[in-house]
Amino acid sequence: MSTTPLAPAAPAPEPPAARPVDLRALAHVVARLNRAPEAPWLHGVVARRMAERLAVVRLKPERVLDWAAFVGGGRQGLAQAYPGARIVAVEPEPARRDAPASALRQPWWSPARWAAPAPRPLAPADVPAGGAQLVWANMCLHAVADPQALMARWHTALQTEGFLMFSTLGPGSLAPLRALYARQGWPPPFAPFVDMHDLGDMLVHAGFADPVMDQETITLTWADGPALLRELRTLGGNMDPSRHAGLRTPRWRQQLQTRLQAECAQDGRVALPFEIVYGHAFKPVPRPRVAASTAIAVEDLRTMARTPRRPS
């Protein structure tokens, strides 16, 4: 009997390109956010909304990684959703890993608070592979130069059938501000944010399965231009490589405030929209790609044999 060899699997398409950011500006912004006395107010709002989405996942994790925990501001929501879980903070910034233990403790009503002291935050490089059932990452993905590389790190940190929940800013954020700068002939006010469809593609390239993406727009308003600019500073900074090369003058800042109040007015206040993108995905059982010859690691074979089908 003759047989026809299987054709090799088609190569996967190239993943979306990493977003262009100035790495030195990025490091400065991240360090400043971690020096703040508390997480940005908007991050806390998004964390609560993301915690509501945990209800659709039947898996109840016992080991959780809270990635960029301080800036994410989601510890309370996580502890409320999973009161018996061991929640470990992962802090990319060394200074934040040295924060007082009291800043990382569970809320008073959480059983985990009384069972044991909060574990010391981990550096990303110290996170064990396959040790978590949930990676939670609130509002940190837009503050990295290579989102897909971070997704791959999350994938490694999860055990098979564990899941990821994250939120980030989308490209609809601050659109009127970008348009205002363009009309004035100024360089961009911030680096572009990644579209949620590209984020879904990145998840697949990083090894995740069943990615679910959705978004909402939250519009914030301020009494005037100066109040708006003060709030924006607590949320980040301009990491675009083509931004203004030097400091702006007080006259330029006054012009910006005047334009904001004239062009971004809403019911007598200054308003800007923030597109919030939410995503979750699972780490699937390893499956070999079909080809004429396939190599499978022994550990992957063991995982495929012993891992039950996850609940939907």
Protein backbone atom coordinates (compact mmCIF):
# COMPACT_ATOMS: atom_id res chain seq x y z
CA MET A 1 0.00 0.00 0.00
CA SER A 2 1.40 3.36 -0.95
CA THR A 3 1.14 6.40 1.28
CA THR A 4 1.50 10.10 0.65
CA PRO A 5 3.66 11.96 3.16
CA LEU A 6 1.95 14.72 5.09
CA ALA A 7 2.83 18.17 3.87
CA PRO A 8 4.74 20.24 6.40
CA ALA A 9 2.58 22.66 8.33
CA ALA A 10 2.45 26.16 6.91
CA PRO A 11 4.58 28.64 8.80
CA ALA A 12 2.69 30.84 11.22
CA PRO A 13 2.27 34.48 10.13
CA GLU A 14 4.59 37.03 11.61
CA PRO A 15 3.36 38.54 14.88
CA PRO A 16 2.52 42.26 15.04
CA ALA A 17 5.55 44.48 15.45
CA ALA A 18 6.51 45.82 18.86
CA ARG A 19 5.33 49.38 19.52
CA PRO A 20 7.92 52.14 18.98
CA VAL A 21 8.96 53.67 22.30
CA ASP A 22 11.99 55.49 23.64
CA LEU A 23 13.45 53.01 26.13
CA ARG A 24 15.05 55.64 28.36
CA ALA A 25 11.81 57.61 28.55
CA LEU A 26 9.95 54.38 29.28
CA ALA A 27 12.26 53.52 32.17
CA HIS A 28 11.86 57.03 33.59
CA VAL A 29 8.06 56.90 33.44
CA VAL A 30 7.83 53.43 35.01
CA ALA A 31 10.18 54.43 37.83
CA ARG A 32 8.14 57.58 38.53
CA LEU A 33 4.87 55.64 38.67
CA ASN A 34 6.43 53.22 41.16
CA ARG A 35 7.63 56.09 43.37
CA ALA A 36 4.10 57.46 43.72
CA PRO A 37 2.36 57.01 47.09
CA GLU A 38 -0.40 54.93 45.51
CA ALA A 39 -1.58 53.49 42.21
CA PRO A 40 -3.33 55.85 39.77
CA TRP A 41 -7.03 56.30 40.49
CA LEU A 42 -7.97 55.10 36.99
CA HIS A 43 -6.05 51.85 37.52
CA GLY A 44 -8.16 51.09 40.58
CA VAL A 45 -11.35 51.63 38.60
CA VAL A 46 -10.17 49.33 35.83
CA ALA A 47 -9.05 46.69 38.36
CA ARG A 48 -12.57 46.56 39.82
CA ARG A 49 -14.10 46.22 36.37
CA MET A 50 -11.64 43.50 35.41
CA ALA A 51 -12.36 41.61 38.64
CA GLU A 52 -16.02 41.47 37.62
CA ARG A 53 -14.95 39.51 34.53
CA LEU A 54 -13.47 36.75 36.69
CA ALA A 55 -17.01 35.45 37.22
CA VAL A 56 -17.08 34.00 33.69
CA VAL A 57 -14.12 31.68 34.47
CA ARG A 58 -15.03 28.53 36.39
CA LEU A 59 -11.48 27.70 37.41
CA LYS A 60 -10.77 28.80 40.98
CA PRO A 61 -7.00 29.36 41.18
CA GLU A 62 -5.06 28.63 44.35
CA ARG A 63 -1.84 30.30 43.17
CA VAL A 64 -2.05 33.77 41.62
CA LEU A 65 0.61 36.12 40.26
CA ASP A 66 -0.30 39.81 40.52
CA TRP A 67 1.99 41.29 37.85
CA ALA A 68 3.19 44.86 38.45
CA ALA A 69 1.00 44.71 41.53
CA PHE A 70 1.58 48.16 42.98
CA VAL A 71 0.87 50.15 39.82
CA GLY A 72 -2.00 47.79 38.95
CA GLY A 73 -3.84 48.53 42.19
CA GLY A 74 -5.90 45.34 41.97
CA ARG A 75 -4.90 43.46 45.12
CA GLN A 76 -8.16 44.04 46.95
CA GLY A 77 -10.31 42.80 44.05
CA LEU A 78 -8.17 39.70 43.66
CA ALA A 79 -8.33 38.87 47.36
CA GLN A 80 -12.09 39.31 47.34
CA ALA A 81 -12.53 37.09 44.28
CA TYR A 82 -10.21 34.36 45.60
CA PRO A 83 -10.04 34.69 49.41
CA GLY A 84 -8.21 31.39 49.88
CA ALA A 85 -5.64 31.87 47.11
CA ARG A 86 -1.94 32.52 47.62
CA ILE A 87 -1.39 35.83 45.82
CA VAL A 88 2.20 36.74 45.02
CA ALA A 89 3.14 40.16 43.70
CA VAL A 90 5.56 40.39 40.78
CA GLU A 91 7.32 43.75 40.66
CA PRO A 92 9.61 44.64 37.72
CA GLU A 93 10.92 47.70 39.60
CA PRO A 94 13.56 46.81 42.26
CA ALA A 95 12.51 49.70 44.52
CA ARG A 96 8.96 48.41 44.67
CA ARG A 97 10.13 44.93 45.70
CA ASP A 98 11.65 46.57 48.79
CA ALA A 99 8.36 48.25 49.78
CA PRO A 100 7.14 47.66 53.33
CA ALA A 101 5.33 44.37 53.81
CA SER A 102 2.31 46.29 55.14
CA ALA A 103 1.73 47.67 51.65
CA LEU A 104 1.27 44.13 50.34
CA ARG A 105 -0.92 42.69 53.06
CA GLN A 106 -4.38 41.36 52.37
CA PRO A 107 -7.51 43.35 53.34
CA TRP A 108 -8.60 42.79 56.97
CA TRP A 109 -11.54 40.59 55.92
CA SER A 110 -9.44 38.16 53.85
CA PRO A 111 -8.67 34.77 55.48
CA ALA A 112 -5.30 34.83 53.71
CA ARG A 113 -4.28 37.89 55.76
CA TRP A 114 -4.49 35.96 58.99
CA ALA A 115 -3.18 32.66 57.65
CA ALA A 116 0.30 33.94 56.78
CA PRO A 117 2.16 37.17 56.06
CA ALA A 118 2.14 38.35 52.47
CA PRO A 119 5.04 36.85 50.54
CA ARG A 120 7.83 39.13 49.37
CA PRO A 121 7.34 40.37 45.80
CA LEU A 122 9.22 38.51 43.12
CA ALA A 123 11.33 39.88 40.31
CA PRO A 124 10.08 38.69 36.90
CA ALA A 125 13.27 36.63 36.46
CA ASP A 126 12.57 34.78 39.72
CA VAL A 127 9.05 33.65 38.83
CA PRO A 128 9.04 29.84 38.63
CA ALA A 129 7.87 28.27 35.41
CA GLY A 130 4.47 26.63 35.54
CA GLY A 131 3.80 27.64 39.14
CA ALA A 132 0.67 29.80 38.79
CA GLN A 133 -2.91 29.09 37.86
CA LEU A 134 -3.72 32.75 37.18
CA VAL A 135 -1.59 35.64 35.99
CA TRP A 136 -3.36 38.93 36.67
CA ALA A 137 -1.91 42.02 34.98
CA ASN A 138 -3.84 45.25 35.36
CA MET A 139 -2.86 48.29 33.28
CA CYS A 140 0.80 47.39 32.82
CA LEU A 141 1.00 46.08 29.25
CA HIS A 142 0.98 49.54 27.63
CA ALA A 143 4.05 50.44 29.72
CA VAL A 144 6.35 47.88 28.06
CA ALA A 145 8.25 48.12 24.79
CA ASP A 146 7.53 44.55 23.64
CA PRO A 147 4.06 43.32 24.73
CA GLN A 148 4.46 39.92 23.09
CA ALA A 149 7.68 39.21 24.98
CA LEU A 150 5.84 39.91 28.22
CA MET A 151 2.98 37.64 27.13
CA ALA A 152 5.48 34.86 26.51
CA ARG A 153 6.81 35.35 30.05
CA TRP A 154 3.26 35.10 31.39
CA HIS A 155 2.73 31.91 29.39
CA THR A 156 5.85 30.37 30.93
CA ALA A 157 4.73 31.33 34.44
CA LEU A 158 1.38 29.56 34.09
CA GLN A 159 0.73 25.90 34.60
CA THR A 160 -1.09 24.06 31.83
CA GLU A 161 -4.78 25.04 31.76
CA GLY A 162 -4.05 28.14 33.84
CA PHE A 163 -5.32 31.46 32.57
CA LEU A 164 -4.34 35.07 32.06
CA MET A 165 -6.42 38.17 32.78
CA PHE A 166 -5.09 41.58 31.73
CA SER A 167 -6.11 45.12 30.89
CA THR A 168 -4.34 47.87 28.98
CA LEU A 169 -4.93 51.14 27.17
CA GLY A 170 -6.10 50.90 23.57
CA PRO A 171 -5.53 53.21 20.57
CA GLY A 172 -8.76 55.13 21.17
CA SER A 173 -7.26 56.60 24.33
CA LEU A 174 -6.66 60.36 24.34
CA ALA A 175 -7.56 60.65 20.64
CA PRO A 176 -8.61 64.33 20.93
CA LEU A 177 -5.26 65.17 22.53
CA ARG A 178 -3.36 63.52 19.67
CA ALA A 179 -5.55 65.38 17.14
CA LEU A 180 -4.92 68.69 18.92
CA TYR A 181 -1.14 68.16 18.72
CA ALA A 182 -1.41 67.28 15.03
CA ARG A 183 -3.38 70.44 14.24
CA GLN A 184 -0.71 72.54 15.95
CA GLY A 185 2.08 70.79 14.05
CA TRP A 186 3.54 69.41 17.28
CA PRO A 187 5.17 65.96 17.66
CA PRO A 188 2.96 63.21 19.13
CA PRO A 189 1.95 63.62 22.81
CA PHE A 190 2.33 59.91 23.57
CA ALA A 191 3.47 56.65 22.00
CA PRO A 192 0.74 54.74 20.11
CA PHE A 193 -1.20 52.04 21.95
CA VAL A 194 -1.68 48.55 20.51
CA ASP A 195 -5.02 47.62 18.92
CA MET A 196 -6.93 44.87 20.71
CA HIS A 197 -6.97 42.68 17.59
CA ASP A 198 -3.17 42.83 17.44
CA LEU A 199 -3.07 41.96 21.14
CA GLY A 200 -5.20 38.89 20.41
CA ASP A 201 -2.75 37.85 17.69
CA MET A 202 0.14 38.35 20.10
CA LEU A 203 -1.53 36.06 22.64
CA VAL A 204 -1.79 33.29 20.04
CA HIS A 205 1.84 33.74 19.00
CA ALA A 206 2.85 33.58 22.66
CA GLY A 207 1.18 30.16 22.94
CA PHE A 208 -2.18 31.04 24.49
CA ALA A 209 -5.50 29.57 23.38
CA ASP A 210 -9.08 30.85 23.27
CA PRO A 211 -8.21 34.53 23.62
CA VAL A 212 -11.20 36.75 24.37
CA MET A 213 -10.79 40.50 23.87
CA ASP A 214 -13.22 43.31 24.59
CA GLN A 215 -13.05 47.01 25.28
CA GLU A 216 -14.89 49.93 26.77
CA THR A 217 -14.37 53.69 26.75
CA ILE A 218 -14.14 55.61 30.01
CA THR A 219 -14.36 59.39 29.61
CA LEU A 220 -12.79 61.45 32.38
CA THR A 221 -13.52 65.15 32.91
CA TRP A 222 -11.62 67.88 34.74
CA ALA A 223 -12.41 71.40 35.85
CA ASP A 224 -9.71 72.92 33.62
CA GLY A 225 -6.58 72.24 31.56
CA PRO A 226 -4.09 72.36 34.45
CA ALA A 227 -6.08 69.74 36.38
CA LEU A 228 -6.13 67.52 33.31
CA LEU A 229 -2.37 67.75 32.83
CA ARG A 230 -1.72 66.97 36.50
CA GLU A 231 -3.87 63.84 36.24
CA LEU A 232 -2.21 62.68 33.01
CA ARG A 233 1.19 62.87 34.70
CA THR A 234 0.02 60.36 37.32
CA LEU A 235 -0.91 57.95 34.51
CA GLY A 236 2.33 57.91 32.54
CA GLY A 237 4.32 60.08 30.19
CA ASN A 238 5.41 60.63 26.61
CA MET A 239 7.57 57.73 25.42
CA ASP A 240 7.24 58.40 21.69
CA PRO A 241 10.70 58.52 20.01
CA SER A 242 9.68 61.59 17.97
CA ARG A 243 8.38 63.64 20.91
CA HIS A 244 9.64 67.16 21.63
CA ALA A 245 13.40 66.98 22.13
CA GLY A 246 13.57 69.36 25.09
CA LEU A 247 11.55 70.92 27.87
CA ARG A 248 8.58 73.11 26.92
CA THR A 249 8.31 76.72 28.00
CA PRO A 250 5.64 78.12 30.34
CA ARG A 251 4.20 80.01 27.35
CA TRP A 252 3.84 76.75 25.39
CA ARG A 253 2.19 75.07 28.39
CA GLN A 254 -0.29 77.93 28.71
CA GLN A 255 -1.10 77.60 25.01
CA LEU A 256 -1.73 73.87 25.48
CA GLN A 257 -4.04 74.48 28.44
CA THR A 258 -5.99 77.08 26.48
CA ARG A 259 -6.38 74.73 23.52
CA LEU A 260 -7.51 71.88 25.75
CA GLN A 261 -10.20 74.01 27.33
CA ALA A 262 -11.35 75.25 23.91
CA GLU A 263 -11.22 72.00 21.91
CA CYS A 264 -11.91 69.26 24.51
CA ALA A 265 -14.83 70.91 26.33
CA GLN A 266 -17.80 68.85 27.49
CA ASP A 267 -20.55 70.40 29.61
CA GLY A 268 -18.24 73.14 30.82
CA ARG A 269 -15.40 70.77 31.74
CA VAL A 270 -12.37 69.39 29.89
CA ALA A 271 -12.86 65.76 28.80
CA LEU A 272 -10.69 62.99 27.35
CA PRO A 273 -11.60 59.37 26.54
CA PHE A 274 -9.61 56.30 27.62
CA GLU A 275 -10.09 53.08 25.66
CA ILE A 276 -9.67 50.19 28.10
CA VAL A 277 -8.90 46.83 26.51
CA TYR A 278 -9.52 43.64 28.49
CA GLY A 279 -8.22 40.22 27.54
CA HIS A 280 -8.12 36.71 28.89
CA ALA A 281 -6.76 33.47 27.50
CA PHE A 282 -5.76 29.96 28.62
CA LYS A 283 -2.51 28.10 28.46
CA PRO A 284 -3.49 24.97 26.54
CA VAL A 285 -2.27 21.41 26.75
CA PRO A 286 0.78 21.19 24.44
CA ARG A 287 -0.21 19.91 21.00
CA PRO A 288 2.31 19.05 18.30
CA ARG A 289 1.87 20.60 14.89
CA VAL A 290 1.08 18.08 12.15
CA ALA A 291 4.06 17.53 9.88
CA ALA A 292 5.86 14.72 8.08
CA SER A 293 8.14 14.41 11.10
CA THR A 294 7.27 15.80 14.54
CA ALA A 295 9.48 16.06 17.61
CA ILE A 296 7.75 16.21 21.00
CA ALA A 297 9.46 16.80 24.32
CA VAL A 298 8.99 13.99 26.83
CA GLU A 299 7.65 16.44 29.44
CA ASP A 300 5.05 17.69 26.94
CA LEU A 301 3.94 14.12 26.31
CA ARG A 302 3.52 13.58 30.04
CA THR A 303 1.52 16.80 30.32
CA MET A 304 -0.77 15.81 27.46
CA ALA A 305 -1.38 12.45 29.07
CA ARG A 306 -2.20 13.63 32.56
CA THR A 307 -3.98 16.97 32.02
CA PRO A 308 -7.77 16.77 32.07
CA ARG A 309 -9.86 18.94 29.82
CA ARG A 310 -10.34 22.31 31.47
CA PRO A 311 -13.82 23.54 32.40
CA SER A 312 -15.33 26.06 30.00
